[in-house]
Protein backbone atom coordinates (compact mmCIF):
# COMPACT_ATOMS: atom_id res chain seq x y z
CA UNK A 1 -0.01 -0.01 -0.04
CA UNK A 2 1.10 3.65 -0.56
CA UNK A 3 -0.42 6.92 0.39
CA UNK A 4 2.31 8.70 -1.61
CA UNK A 5 3.47 10.87 1.23
CA UNK A 6 6.84 12.57 0.86
CA UNK A 7 8.45 13.46 -2.45
CA UNK A 8 9.93 10.10 -3.81
CA UNK A 9 8.49 6.75 -4.72
CA UNK A 10 8.92 4.01 -2.16
CA UNK A 11 11.48 1.40 -2.91
CA UNK A 12 8.99 -1.31 -3.92
CA UNK A 13 7.93 0.69 -7.00
CA UNK A 14 9.77 0.68 -10.29
CA UNK A 15 9.26 3.47 -12.89
CA UNK A 16 9.76 2.02 -16.39
CA UNK A 17 10.91 4.43 -19.05
CA UNK A 18 10.88 7.47 -16.64
CA UNK A 19 10.65 11.07 -17.62
CA UNK A 20 10.22 14.28 -15.61
CA UNK A 21 6.45 14.01 -16.08
CA UNK A 22 6.14 11.54 -13.12
CA UNK A 23 6.70 12.76 -9.59
CA UNK A 24 5.43 12.51 -5.99
CA UNK A 25 4.17 15.62 -4.26
CA UNK A 26 1.23 16.91 -2.09
CA UNK A 27 0.26 13.37 -1.04
CA UNK A 28 -0.12 11.90 -4.57
CA UNK A 29 1.80 10.29 -7.37
CA UNK A 30 1.34 12.48 -10.44
CA UNK A 31 1.76 11.33 -14.03
CA UNK A 32 1.32 13.88 -16.76
CA UNK A 33 0.27 11.90 -19.80
CA UNK A 34 2.73 11.78 -22.77
CA UNK A 35 2.69 10.10 -26.15
CA UNK A 36 3.34 6.41 -25.89
CA UNK A 37 1.64 3.02 -25.40
CA UNK A 38 2.13 -0.64 -24.77
CA UNK A 39 0.01 -2.32 -27.35
CA UNK A 40 0.93 -5.43 -29.33
CA UNK A 41 4.18 -4.57 -31.10
CA UNK A 42 4.27 -0.97 -29.85
CA UNK A 43 6.55 -0.44 -26.86
CA UNK A 44 6.97 3.22 -26.29
CA UNK A 45 4.98 3.79 -23.09
CA UNK A 46 6.51 6.18 -20.62
CA UNK A 47 6.23 6.31 -16.76
CA UNK A 48 4.45 3.00 -16.13
CA UNK A 49 5.08 2.36 -12.47
CA UNK A 50 4.86 -1.14 -11.06
CA UNK A 51 5.27 -3.15 -7.88
CA UNK A 52 5.21 -6.94 -7.32
CA UNK A 53 1.76 -8.29 -6.75
CA UNK A 54 1.95 -11.99 -5.78
CA UNK A 55 -0.36 -13.67 -3.29
CA UNK A 56 -4.08 -13.07 -2.87
CA UNK A 57 -5.21 -9.58 -2.33
CA UNK A 58 -7.67 -6.70 -2.89
CA UNK A 59 -6.48 -3.36 -4.13
CA UNK A 60 -8.24 -0.01 -4.31
CA UNK A 61 -6.63 2.90 -6.24
CA UNK A 62 -8.00 6.40 -6.07
CA UNK A 63 -7.47 8.49 -9.26
CA UNK A 64 -8.04 12.17 -9.74
CA UNK A 65 -7.69 13.95 -13.11
CA UNK A 66 -7.28 17.64 -13.86
CA UNK A 67 -9.36 17.10 -16.94
CA UNK A 68 -11.36 14.15 -18.23
CA UNK A 69 -10.08 12.23 -21.29
CA UNK A 70 -11.02 14.21 -24.43
CA UNK A 71 -8.82 12.90 -27.22
CA UNK A 72 -8.81 9.39 -28.71
CA UNK A 73 -6.47 7.16 -26.79
CA UNK A 74 -6.29 9.27 -23.65
CA UNK A 75 -6.07 6.39 -21.14
CA UNK A 76 -5.60 6.18 -17.35
CA UNK A 77 -5.79 3.13 -15.19
CA UNK A 78 -3.90 0.01 -13.97
CA UNK A 79 -2.37 -3.07 -15.49
CA UNK A 80 -1.69 -6.52 -14.03
CA UNK A 81 1.47 -7.44 -15.92
CA UNK A 82 3.57 -10.48 -16.36
CA UNK A 83 5.65 -8.58 -18.97
CA UNK A 84 5.20 -6.07 -21.77
CA UNK A 85 3.47 -8.76 -23.96
CA UNK A 86 1.24 -10.38 -21.40
CA UNK A 87 -1.04 -8.30 -19.15
CA UNK A 88 -4.59 -7.30 -18.19
CA UNK A 89 -5.36 -3.55 -18.78
CA UNK A 90 -8.15 -1.94 -16.79
CA UNK A 91 -8.59 1.73 -17.63
CA UNK A 92 -10.73 4.73 -18.47
CA UNK A 93 -10.19 5.62 -22.10
CA UNK A 94 -11.47 8.16 -24.64
CA UNK A 95 -12.74 6.32 -27.73
CA UNK A 96 -13.51 8.18 -30.89
CA UNK A 97 -15.53 11.35 -30.41
CA UNK A 98 -18.80 9.72 -31.24
CA UNK A 99 -18.30 6.90 -28.87
CA UNK A 100 -17.16 8.97 -25.84
CA UNK A 101 -15.33 7.70 -22.77
CA UNK A 102 -15.31 3.96 -21.79
CA UNK A 103 -14.11 1.70 -19.07
CA UNK A 104 -12.20 -1.00 -20.87
CA UNK A 105 -10.62 -4.29 -19.83
CA UNK A 106 -8.29 -5.98 -22.32
CA UNK A 107 -5.99 -8.99 -22.15
CA UNK A 108 -2.78 -8.87 -24.05
CA UNK A 109 -1.40 -12.36 -24.61
CA UNK A 110 1.82 -13.02 -26.52
CA UNK A 111 1.58 -9.39 -27.88
CA UNK A 112 -2.01 -9.89 -29.19
CA UNK A 113 -4.66 -7.74 -27.57
CA UNK A 114 -8.25 -8.89 -26.99
CA UNK A 115 -11.03 -6.73 -25.55
CA UNK A 116 -12.86 -8.34 -22.68
CA UNK A 117 -15.27 -5.60 -21.54
CA UNK A 118 -16.21 -2.17 -22.79
CA UNK A 119 -18.53 -0.19 -20.52
CA UNK A 120 -19.71 3.16 -21.94
CA UNK A 121 -22.19 4.12 -19.22
CA UNK A 122 -20.02 4.44 -16.09
CA UNK A 123 -18.12 7.61 -17.13
CA UNK A 124 -21.23 9.68 -16.93
CA UNK A 125 -21.46 9.11 -13.16
CA UNK A 126 -17.97 10.51 -12.42
CA UNK A 127 -17.94 13.72 -10.44
CA UNK A 128 -14.97 15.93 -9.82
CA UNK A 129 -12.92 13.91 -12.23
CA UNK A 130 -12.35 11.26 -9.57
CA UNK A 131 -12.81 7.55 -9.69
CA UNK A 132 -11.73 4.41 -7.82
CA UNK A 133 -10.53 1.18 -9.30
CA UNK A 134 -10.77 -2.04 -7.37
CA UNK A 135 -9.01 -5.31 -8.30
CA UNK A 136 -9.25 -8.59 -6.43
CA UNK A 137 -6.85 -11.51 -6.92
CA UNK A 138 -7.49 -15.06 -5.73
CA UNK A 139 -5.00 -17.48 -7.12
CA UNK A 140 -4.84 -16.76 -10.85
CA UNK A 141 -8.32 -15.34 -10.96
CA UNK A 142 -9.06 -11.57 -11.04
CA UNK A 143 -12.12 -9.44 -10.46
CA UNK A 144 -12.47 -5.84 -11.61
CA UNK A 145 -14.75 -3.06 -10.24
CA UNK A 146 -14.96 0.76 -10.61
CA UNK A 147 -16.67 3.44 -8.47
CA UNK A 148 -17.36 7.11 -8.66
CA UNK A 149 -17.47 7.51 -4.85
CA UNK A 150 -15.33 4.75 -3.39
CA UNK A 151 -18.34 3.03 -1.86
CA UNK A 152 -20.67 1.87 -4.62
CA UNK A 153 -18.83 -0.26 -7.19
CA UNK A 154 -19.91 -1.27 -10.67
CA UNK A 155 -18.77 -4.81 -11.66
CA UNK A 156 -16.67 -4.69 -14.86
CA UNK A 157 -15.56 -8.34 -14.81
CA UNK A 158 -15.40 -11.20 -12.35
CA UNK A 159 -13.73 -14.52 -12.55
CA UNK A 160 -11.16 -13.77 -15.27
CA UNK A 161 -8.24 -16.17 -15.09
CA UNK A 162 -4.64 -15.71 -16.34
CA UNK A 163 -1.53 -17.60 -15.40
CA UNK A 164 1.11 -15.05 -14.38
CA UNK A 165 3.97 -16.35 -12.29
CA UNK A 166 5.32 -12.95 -11.41
CA UNK A 167 2.35 -10.48 -11.64
CA UNK A 168 3.00 -6.76 -11.16
CA UNK A 169 0.48 -4.10 -10.29
CA UNK A 170 1.15 -1.22 -12.65
CA UNK A 171 -0.07 2.42 -12.81
CA UNK A 172 -0.52 3.81 -16.34
CA UNK A 173 -1.45 7.20 -17.73
CA UNK A 174 -0.78 7.92 -21.39
CA UNK A 175 -1.83 9.73 -24.57
CA UNK A 176 -1.29 6.84 -26.96
CA UNK A 177 1.50 6.33 -29.52
CA UNK A 178 2.37 9.37 -31.68
CA UNK A 179 -0.08 11.60 -29.79
CA UNK A 180 2.29 14.55 -29.27
CA UNK A 181 -0.22 17.12 -30.33
CA UNK A 182 -3.02 16.47 -27.83
CA UNK A 183 -3.41 17.91 -24.29
CA UNK A 184 -1.72 16.26 -21.39
CA UNK A 185 -3.88 15.06 -18.49
CA UNK A 186 -2.38 15.50 -15.03
CA UNK A 187 -3.27 12.22 -13.35
CA UNK A 188 -2.99 12.08 -9.50
CA UNK A 189 -2.89 8.69 -7.88
CA UNK A 190 -4.02 9.64 -4.34
CA UNK A 191 -3.37 6.19 -2.97
CA UNK A 192 -3.00 2.47 -3.74
CA UNK A 193 -4.29 0.34 -0.86
CA UNK A 194 -3.73 -3.34 -0.66
CA UNK A 195 -5.39 -5.83 1.68
CA UNK A 196 -3.82 -9.23 1.65
CA UNK A 197 -6.03 -12.20 2.00
CA UNK A 198 -4.16 -13.32 5.16
CA UNK A 199 -4.67 -9.87 6.73
CA UNK A 200 -8.39 -9.93 6.09
CA UNK A 201 -8.67 -13.38 7.63
CA UNK A 202 -6.76 -12.28 10.69
CA UNK A 203 -9.12 -9.38 11.19
CA UNK A 204 -12.11 -11.70 11.07
CA UNK A 205 -10.59 -14.06 13.65
CA UNK A 206 -9.77 -11.12 15.92
CA UNK A 207 -13.39 -9.88 15.78
CA UNK A 208 -14.79 -13.29 16.51
CA UNK A 209 -12.65 -13.54 19.73
């Protein structure tokens, strides 16, 4: 877990392809979106920030944006990664202008991307450009939820299974490849909070006593 206090990333995070557009201040990790992406054979994503994520757990990540996605391929969310060619990508993304903003979940397997879910209704409930992403891991099975208030969650996908031996929980904010002429979105990750399965069980035992 990380509340992003201080002015540097904690040692368990790794910033891949870092630039000056990712930094910690005022109690948040900020990533200002730049051109770049990880998509099939494209490998030019900047400032994707990961930590090991083995075991069974539940995570909640609070995200605040200075502006909502407005240009095609504006994308902000989280990945569960084995490596650059194998991952689950859960994010808010601007589709083409007629399609608006969607919550998307994709699996990339051996550098081939497949869309699992596209939800085009949730974005209309977002207030103050803030949303919460919850991921639950049990063995090799993952559940994905999203919320506008941190209390009431919309199910995006439950029971999706992938076999990652070294999963990494990864924060992503980007414009898409070649998108140097579109506005940058200042993304603020207020916190990433993990509850391990063992910790949750311990709390239940304590209450029962």
